[in-house]
Amino acid sequence: MPPKTSPLSYFNSDLLVLIPSIKTFNKIYNHLINHHNKEKLYFPDHDLLNEVFKNNWKPLSYTYNTLKTLRSCYALMWQDRSIRNVHYIMNDKPWKLNIEKKDETKEKWDEHFLLNNWWR
């Protein structure tokens, strides 16, 4: 369980597998239905689940939800073979990009291919 003062006290639910018991499902459902301030749930899935599971979850390695931008921003930290899931934040989704458009350099094309064509 992450410390309350840790930046890990809020989890990202973009990669999440839940198989809740009926009791837990009802807890999540009731929390949503009875939520006093639904319009303040800016990231509804994240916010709601963080409220329900506050201080009762275990973090995974960043390799299971790695931001696409880390490959260029933190090149020394990024190891292609270690990454299990790439998180496509913002609007640059691989399924929306023109894969026929190649960048000028081989390095840029390799990155584009690695991050955007693996799923085809």
C-alpha atoms as a PDB file:
ATOM      1  CA  MET A   1       0.000   0.000   0.000  1.00  0.00           C
ATOM      2  CA  PRO A   2       1.547   3.339  -1.030  1.00  0.00           C
ATOM      3  CA  PRO A   3       2.162   5.974   1.631  1.00  0.00           C
ATOM      4  CA  LYS A   4      -0.452   8.738   1.753  1.00  0.00           C
ATOM      5  CA  THR A   5       2.154  11.390   0.946  1.00  0.00           C
ATOM      6  CA  SER A   6       3.563   9.480  -2.003  1.00  0.00           C
ATOM      7  CA  PRO A   7       2.855  10.505  -5.607  1.00  0.00           C
ATOM      8  CA  LEU A   8       1.804   6.875  -5.881  1.00  0.00           C
ATOM      9  CA  SER A   9      -1.220   7.519  -3.700  1.00  0.00           C
ATOM     10  CA  TYR A  10      -3.239   7.975  -6.905  1.00  0.00           C
ATOM     11  CA  PHE A  11      -3.253   5.211  -9.489  1.00  0.00           C
ATOM     12  CA  ASN A  12      -3.840   5.372 -13.205  1.00  0.00           C
ATOM     13  CA  SER A  13      -6.587   2.957 -14.200  1.00  0.00           C
ATOM     14  CA  ASP A  14      -5.750   2.900 -17.909  1.00  0.00           C
ATOM     15  CA  LEU A  15      -4.312  -0.563 -17.498  1.00  0.00           C
ATOM     16  CA  LEU A  16      -6.503  -2.309 -15.024  1.00  0.00           C
ATOM     17  CA  VAL A  17      -7.992  -5.736 -14.670  1.00  0.00           C
ATOM     18  CA  LEU A  18     -10.744  -6.163 -12.132  1.00  0.00           C
ATOM     19  CA  ILE A  19     -12.635  -9.307 -11.335  1.00  0.00           C
ATOM     20  CA  PRO A  20     -14.554  -8.024  -8.343  1.00  0.00           C
ATOM     21  CA  SER A  21     -16.595 -10.097  -6.006  1.00  0.00           C
ATOM     22  CA  ILE A  22     -20.268  -9.197  -5.874  1.00  0.00           C
ATOM     23  CA  LYS A  23     -19.583  -7.293  -2.677  1.00  0.00           C
ATOM     24  CA  THR A  24     -16.767  -5.260  -4.276  1.00  0.00           C
ATOM     25  CA  PHE A  25     -18.758  -4.663  -7.448  1.00  0.00           C
ATOM     26  CA  ASN A  26     -21.629  -3.325  -5.354  1.00  0.00           C
ATOM     27  CA  LYS A  27     -19.225  -1.108  -3.448  1.00  0.00           C
ATOM     28  CA  ILE A  28     -17.940   0.430  -6.712  1.00  0.00           C
ATOM     29  CA  TYR A  29     -21.414   0.730  -8.188  1.00  0.00           C
ATOM     30  CA  ASN A  30     -22.934   2.292  -5.064  1.00  0.00           C
ATOM     31  CA  HIS A  31     -20.058   4.730  -4.770  1.00  0.00           C
ATOM     32  CA  LEU A  32     -20.749   5.906  -8.310  1.00  0.00           C
ATOM     33  CA  ILE A  33     -24.525   6.081  -7.942  1.00  0.00           C
ATOM     34  CA  ASN A  34     -24.340   7.916  -4.624  1.00  0.00           C
ATOM     35  CA  HIS A  35     -21.356  10.116  -5.442  1.00  0.00           C
ATOM     36  CA  HIS A  36     -21.957  13.594  -4.049  1.00  0.00           C
ATOM     37  CA  ASN A  37     -19.984  15.425  -6.736  1.00  0.00           C
ATOM     38  CA  LYS A  38     -19.936  13.504 -10.026  1.00  0.00           C
ATOM     39  CA  GLU A  39     -19.091  16.599 -12.059  1.00  0.00           C
ATOM     40  CA  LYS A  40     -15.800  16.871 -10.143  1.00  0.00           C
ATOM     41  CA  LEU A  41     -14.683  13.470 -11.405  1.00  0.00           C
ATOM     42  CA  TYR A  42     -12.335  14.886 -14.044  1.00  0.00           C
ATOM     43  CA  PHE A  43     -11.002  11.446 -14.963  1.00  0.00           C
ATOM     44  CA  PRO A  44     -14.059   9.460 -13.908  1.00  0.00           C
ATOM     45  CA  ASP A  45     -12.621   5.958 -13.982  1.00  0.00           C
ATOM     46  CA  HIS A  46      -9.394   7.012 -12.248  1.00  0.00           C
ATOM     47  CA  ASP A  47     -11.014   9.280  -9.692  1.00  0.00           C
ATOM     48  CA  LEU A  48     -13.841   6.963  -8.746  1.00  0.00           C
ATOM     49  CA  LEU A  49     -11.661   3.868  -8.397  1.00  0.00           C
ATOM     50  CA  ASN A  50      -9.066   5.819  -6.420  1.00  0.00           C
ATOM     51  CA  GLU A  51     -11.771   6.852  -3.986  1.00  0.00           C
ATOM     52  CA  VAL A  52     -13.123   3.318  -3.647  1.00  0.00           C
ATOM     53  CA  PHE A  53      -9.709   1.648  -3.310  1.00  0.00           C
ATOM     54  CA  LYS A  54      -7.958   4.413  -1.377  1.00  0.00           C
ATOM     55  CA  ASN A  55      -4.854   2.981   0.310  1.00  0.00           C
ATOM     56  CA  ASN A  56      -5.866  -0.513  -0.752  1.00  0.00           C
ATOM     57  CA  TRP A  57      -4.016  -1.260  -3.966  1.00  0.00           C
ATOM     58  CA  LYS A  58      -0.548  -2.260  -5.170  1.00  0.00           C
ATOM     59  CA  PRO A  59       1.403  -0.367  -7.817  1.00  0.00           C
ATOM     60  CA  LEU A  60       2.880  -2.066 -10.863  1.00  0.00           C
ATOM     61  CA  SER A  61       6.157  -1.179 -12.500  1.00  0.00           C
ATOM     62  CA  TYR A  62       6.008   1.736 -14.932  1.00  0.00           C
ATOM     63  CA  THR A  63       6.763  -0.837 -17.667  1.00  0.00           C
ATOM     64  CA  TYR A  64       3.125  -1.934 -17.538  1.00  0.00           C
ATOM     65  CA  ASN A  65       1.809   1.524 -18.387  1.00  0.00           C
ATOM     66  CA  THR A  66       4.680   3.415 -19.990  1.00  0.00           C
ATOM     67  CA  LEU A  67       3.898   6.790 -21.492  1.00  0.00           C
ATOM     68  CA  LYS A  68       4.809   6.908 -25.175  1.00  0.00           C
ATOM     69  CA  THR A  69       6.725  10.141 -24.592  1.00  0.00           C
ATOM     70  CA  LEU A  70       9.162   8.459 -22.182  1.00  0.00           C
ATOM     71  CA  ARG A  71      10.993   6.868 -25.105  1.00  0.00           C
ATOM     72  CA  SER A  72      12.336  10.262 -26.164  1.00  0.00           C
ATOM     73  CA  CYS A  73      12.242  12.146 -22.844  1.00  0.00           C
ATOM     74  CA  TYR A  74      13.935   9.442 -20.766  1.00  0.00           C
ATOM     75  CA  ALA A  75      15.802   7.423 -23.369  1.00  0.00           C
ATOM     76  CA  LEU A  76      18.199   5.958 -20.801  1.00  0.00           C
ATOM     77  CA  MET A  77      15.307   4.619 -18.751  1.00  0.00           C
ATOM     78  CA  TRP A  78      13.367   3.151 -21.688  1.00  0.00           C
ATOM     79  CA  GLN A  79      14.340  -0.400 -22.618  1.00  0.00           C
ATOM     80  CA  ASP A  80      12.243  -1.684 -25.534  1.00  0.00           C
ATOM     81  CA  ARG A  81      12.334  -5.279 -24.317  1.00  0.00           C
ATOM     82  CA  SER A  82      11.083  -4.303 -20.862  1.00  0.00           C
ATOM     83  CA  ILE A  83       8.022  -2.334 -21.935  1.00  0.00           C
ATOM     84  CA  ARG A  84       4.817  -4.334 -21.605  1.00  0.00           C
ATOM     85  CA  ASN A  85       2.235  -1.673 -22.388  1.00  0.00           C
ATOM     86  CA  VAL A  86       2.559   1.706 -24.103  1.00  0.00           C
ATOM     87  CA  HIS A  87       0.169   4.388 -22.903  1.00  0.00           C
ATOM     88  CA  TYR A  88      -0.790   6.658 -25.792  1.00  0.00           C
ATOM     89  CA  ILE A  89      -1.613   9.891 -24.030  1.00  0.00           C
ATOM     90  CA  MET A  90      -3.176  12.885 -25.722  1.00  0.00           C
ATOM     91  CA  ASN A  91      -4.321  12.748 -29.362  1.00  0.00           C
ATOM     92  CA  ASP A  92      -1.490  10.815 -31.012  1.00  0.00           C
ATOM     93  CA  LYS A  93      -3.094   7.395 -31.143  1.00  0.00           C
ATOM     94  CA  PRO A  94      -1.472   4.821 -33.453  1.00  0.00           C
ATOM     95  CA  TRP A  95      -4.805   3.923 -34.984  1.00  0.00           C
ATOM     96  CA  LYS A  96      -5.275   7.581 -36.023  1.00  0.00           C
ATOM     97  CA  LEU A  97      -1.873   8.188 -37.616  1.00  0.00           C
ATOM     98  CA  ASN A  98      -0.929   7.949 -41.271  1.00  0.00           C
ATOM     99  CA  ILE A  99       1.581   5.092 -41.292  1.00  0.00           C
ATOM    100  CA  GLU A 100       2.521   5.817 -44.905  1.00  0.00           C
ATOM    101  CA  LYS A 101       4.127   9.103 -43.841  1.00  0.00           C
ATOM    102  CA  LYS A 102       7.760   8.282 -43.073  1.00  0.00           C
ATOM    103  CA  ASP A 103       9.993  10.668 -41.169  1.00  0.00           C
ATOM    104  CA  GLU A 104      13.255  11.859 -42.683  1.00  0.00           C
ATOM    105  CA  THR A 105      15.622   9.843 -40.520  1.00  0.00           C
ATOM    106  CA  LYS A 106      15.824   6.107 -39.988  1.00  0.00           C
ATOM    107  CA  GLU A 107      15.823   6.693 -36.234  1.00  0.00           C
ATOM    108  CA  LYS A 108      12.542   8.595 -36.374  1.00  0.00           C
ATOM    109  CA  TRP A 109      10.996   5.959 -38.650  1.00  0.00           C
ATOM    110  CA  ASP A 110      12.150   3.165 -36.299  1.00  0.00           C
ATOM    111  CA  GLU A 111      10.538   4.943 -33.361  1.00  0.00           C
ATOM    112  CA  HIS A 112       7.374   5.551 -35.354  1.00  0.00           C
ATOM    113  CA  PHE A 113       7.231   1.884 -36.349  1.00  0.00           C
ATOM    114  CA  LEU A 114       7.947   0.622 -32.855  1.00  0.00           C
ATOM    115  CA  LEU A 115       5.353   2.821 -31.206  1.00  0.00           C
ATOM    116  CA  ASN A 116       2.680   2.842 -33.873  1.00  0.00           C
ATOM    117  CA  ASN A 117       2.737  -0.301 -36.017  1.00  0.00           C
ATOM    118  CA  TRP A 118       3.107  -3.099 -33.475  1.00  0.00           C
ATOM    119  CA  TRP A 119      -0.657  -3.426 -33.126  1.00  0.00           C
ATOM    120  CA  ARG A 120      -1.444  -3.905 -36.848  1.00  0.00           C
END
